[in-house]
Amino acid sequence: QEQPQHIYVDGTAVRREEHRTGYQGESKEQISRRVKRNREKARHMTMPYVLVLLVATLATVVICYQYLQLQSSITSHKHQIQTYQSKLSEIKIQNNADEESLKIYTDLDYIYEVATKELGMVYPSEDQIIQYDKTESEYVRQYEDIPTED
């Protein structure tokens, strides 16, 4: 049987003696058997075993790298989406303002009021209106002579 080891521990008040036997109650023989068993297991790390561990480690590193790239890409896309949403909001506001200003100019009552009161325009009389059919093309050129009635 193993002799107890004497360990002295310095305390704040008194020196005392502690008695311990081995590692968690194991004797030296049990410890040496456990150490030998661990050493034998370590020797059994053959080349295929090391290669499998290496491949697994590399796969883990590659997967982690791709995951980080994907996270970075997602963050970048989220930032782009926010930027585009902000631009879209500004464009919608500008579009609504432009639409309101166009409504003013296409309001027929407003056009009639400006034309008659501010510009002094009047509707043409019946004798001023000339209608004709042009058969050569579907549009009238600006500087072309207007045909006379026959």
Protein backbone atom coordinates (compact mmCIF):
# COMPACT_ATOMS: atom_id res chain seq x y z
CA GLN A 1 0.00 0.00 0.00
CA GLU A 2 1.08 3.51 -0.73
CA GLN A 3 2.47 5.79 1.91
CA PRO A 4 0.49 8.98 2.43
CA GLN A 5 2.14 12.11 1.12
CA HIS A 6 2.67 14.96 3.54
CA ILE A 7 1.80 18.35 2.10
CA TYR A 8 2.17 21.50 4.13
CA VAL A 9 -0.15 24.37 3.35
CA ASP A 10 0.57 27.86 4.61
CA GLY A 11 -2.52 29.48 6.05
CA THR A 12 -3.10 32.83 7.61
CA ALA A 13 -2.92 31.63 11.16
CA VAL A 14 -1.57 28.12 11.56
CA ARG A 15 0.47 25.61 9.60
CA ARG A 16 -1.32 22.34 9.20
CA GLU A 17 -0.56 19.06 7.57
CA GLU A 18 -2.73 17.47 4.88
CA HIS A 19 -2.63 13.82 3.90
CA ARG A 20 -3.37 12.74 0.33
CA THR A 21 -3.16 9.40 -1.35
CA GLY A 22 -2.63 9.38 -5.12
CA TYR A 23 -4.77 10.94 -7.83
CA GLN A 24 -8.45 10.85 -6.88
CA GLY A 25 -7.85 7.93 -4.64
CA GLU A 26 -5.83 5.94 -7.22
CA SER A 27 -2.58 4.26 -6.41
CA LYS A 28 0.64 4.81 -8.39
CA GLU A 29 0.12 1.50 -10.19
CA GLN A 30 -3.34 2.52 -11.37
CA ILE A 31 -2.01 5.87 -12.53
CA SER A 32 0.87 4.27 -14.43
CA ARG A 33 -1.55 1.82 -16.12
CA ARG A 34 -3.77 4.71 -17.17
CA VAL A 35 -0.77 6.63 -18.52
CA LYS A 36 0.41 3.57 -20.47
CA ARG A 37 -3.05 3.08 -21.92
CA ASN A 38 -3.16 6.74 -23.06
CA ARG A 39 0.27 6.42 -24.63
CA GLU A 40 -0.84 3.32 -26.54
CA LYS A 41 -3.90 5.15 -27.81
CA ALA A 42 -1.69 8.01 -28.96
CA ARG A 43 0.52 5.57 -30.88
CA HIS A 44 -2.51 4.25 -32.75
CA MET A 45 -2.91 7.52 -34.61
CA THR A 46 -2.15 6.08 -38.03
CA MET A 47 -1.79 8.02 -41.25
CA PRO A 48 -5.42 7.42 -42.40
CA TYR A 49 -6.68 8.63 -39.02
CA VAL A 50 -4.57 11.79 -39.27
CA LEU A 51 -5.75 12.36 -42.85
CA VAL A 52 -9.39 12.05 -41.80
CA LEU A 53 -8.80 14.56 -39.01
CA LEU A 54 -7.02 16.87 -41.45
CA VAL A 55 -9.85 16.66 -44.00
CA ALA A 56 -12.45 17.28 -41.30
CA THR A 57 -10.50 20.29 -40.04
CA LEU A 58 -10.12 21.71 -43.55
CA ALA A 59 -13.82 21.17 -44.28
CA THR A 60 -14.71 22.99 -41.07
CA VAL A 61 -12.45 25.91 -41.95
CA VAL A 62 -13.86 26.15 -45.50
CA ILE A 63 -17.45 26.01 -44.25
CA CYS A 64 -16.74 28.71 -41.66
CA TYR A 65 -15.08 30.90 -44.30
CA GLN A 66 -18.03 30.51 -46.68
CA TYR A 67 -20.46 31.23 -43.85
CA LEU A 68 -18.64 34.46 -43.03
CA GLN A 69 -18.62 35.47 -46.70
CA LEU A 70 -22.35 34.77 -46.92
CA GLN A 71 -23.03 36.83 -43.79
CA SER A 72 -20.97 39.68 -45.23
CA SER A 73 -22.86 39.47 -48.52
CA ILE A 74 -26.22 39.51 -46.73
CA THR A 75 -25.19 42.55 -44.70
CA SER A 76 -24.03 44.32 -47.85
CA HIS A 77 -27.29 43.51 -49.65
CA LYS A 78 -29.33 44.76 -46.69
CA HIS A 79 -27.43 48.04 -46.80
CA GLN A 80 -28.03 48.30 -50.57
CA ILE A 81 -31.74 47.61 -50.10
CA GLN A 82 -31.99 50.35 -47.49
CA THR A 83 -30.20 52.75 -49.84
CA TYR A 84 -32.52 51.86 -52.72
CA GLN A 85 -35.60 52.18 -50.50
CA SER A 86 -34.44 55.63 -49.45
CA LYS A 87 -33.90 56.65 -53.09
CA LEU A 88 -37.30 55.21 -54.03
CA SER A 89 -38.95 57.22 -51.29
CA GLU A 90 -37.30 60.43 -52.52
CA ILE A 91 -38.31 59.67 -56.12
CA LYS A 92 -41.92 59.00 -55.06
CA ILE A 93 -42.06 62.33 -53.24
CA GLN A 94 -40.65 64.14 -56.28
CA ASN A 95 -43.01 62.24 -58.59
CA ASN A 96 -46.04 63.22 -56.49
CA ALA A 97 -44.94 66.86 -56.52
CA ASP A 98 -44.47 66.78 -60.32
CA GLU A 99 -47.84 65.10 -60.76
CA GLU A 100 -49.55 67.81 -58.73
CA SER A 101 -47.90 70.54 -60.79
CA LEU A 102 -48.98 68.78 -64.01
CA LYS A 103 -52.55 68.53 -62.78
CA ILE A 104 -52.63 72.30 -62.47
CA TYR A 105 -51.52 72.73 -66.09
CA THR A 106 -53.86 70.07 -67.49
CA ASP A 107 -56.91 71.34 -65.62
CA LEU A 108 -59.11 72.58 -68.49
CA ASP A 109 -60.85 75.15 -66.33
CA TYR A 110 -57.47 76.61 -65.32
CA ILE A 111 -56.29 76.66 -68.96
CA TYR A 112 -59.51 78.40 -70.10
CA GLU A 113 -59.23 80.95 -67.31
CA VAL A 114 -55.59 81.81 -68.09
CA ALA A 115 -56.21 81.89 -71.85
CA THR A 116 -59.28 84.13 -71.69
CA LYS A 117 -58.48 86.42 -68.77
CA GLU A 118 -54.70 86.74 -68.81
CA LEU A 119 -53.92 86.26 -72.49
CA GLY A 120 -57.13 87.72 -73.95
CA MET A 121 -57.83 84.74 -76.17
CA VAL A 122 -61.31 83.87 -77.53
CA TYR A 123 -62.83 80.81 -79.17
CA PRO A 124 -62.62 80.88 -82.99
CA SER A 125 -65.79 81.64 -84.92
CA GLU A 126 -67.25 79.20 -87.44
CA ASP A 127 -65.87 81.09 -90.44
CA GLN A 128 -62.30 80.84 -89.04
CA ILE A 129 -62.32 77.00 -88.85
CA ILE A 130 -61.19 75.18 -91.99
CA GLN A 131 -61.28 71.38 -92.10
CA TYR A 132 -59.59 69.33 -94.78
CA ASP A 133 -58.47 65.73 -95.45
CA LYS A 134 -54.87 65.01 -96.25
CA THR A 135 -54.40 61.66 -97.92
CA GLU A 136 -50.63 61.58 -98.52
CA SER A 137 -49.65 60.90 -94.93
CA GLU A 138 -51.11 60.75 -91.47
CA TYR A 139 -49.62 64.00 -90.23
CA VAL A 140 -49.39 67.61 -91.30
CA ARG A 141 -46.01 69.22 -91.78
CA GLN A 142 -45.58 72.52 -90.04
CA TYR A 143 -44.53 74.62 -93.03
CA GLU A 144 -46.67 72.99 -95.68
CA ASP A 145 -49.34 75.09 -97.43
CA ILE A 146 -52.91 74.52 -96.38
CA PRO A 147 -55.02 73.53 -99.38
CA THR A 148 -57.85 75.82 -100.38
CA GLU A 149 -61.42 74.64 -100.60
CA ASP A 150 -62.67 73.86 -104.10
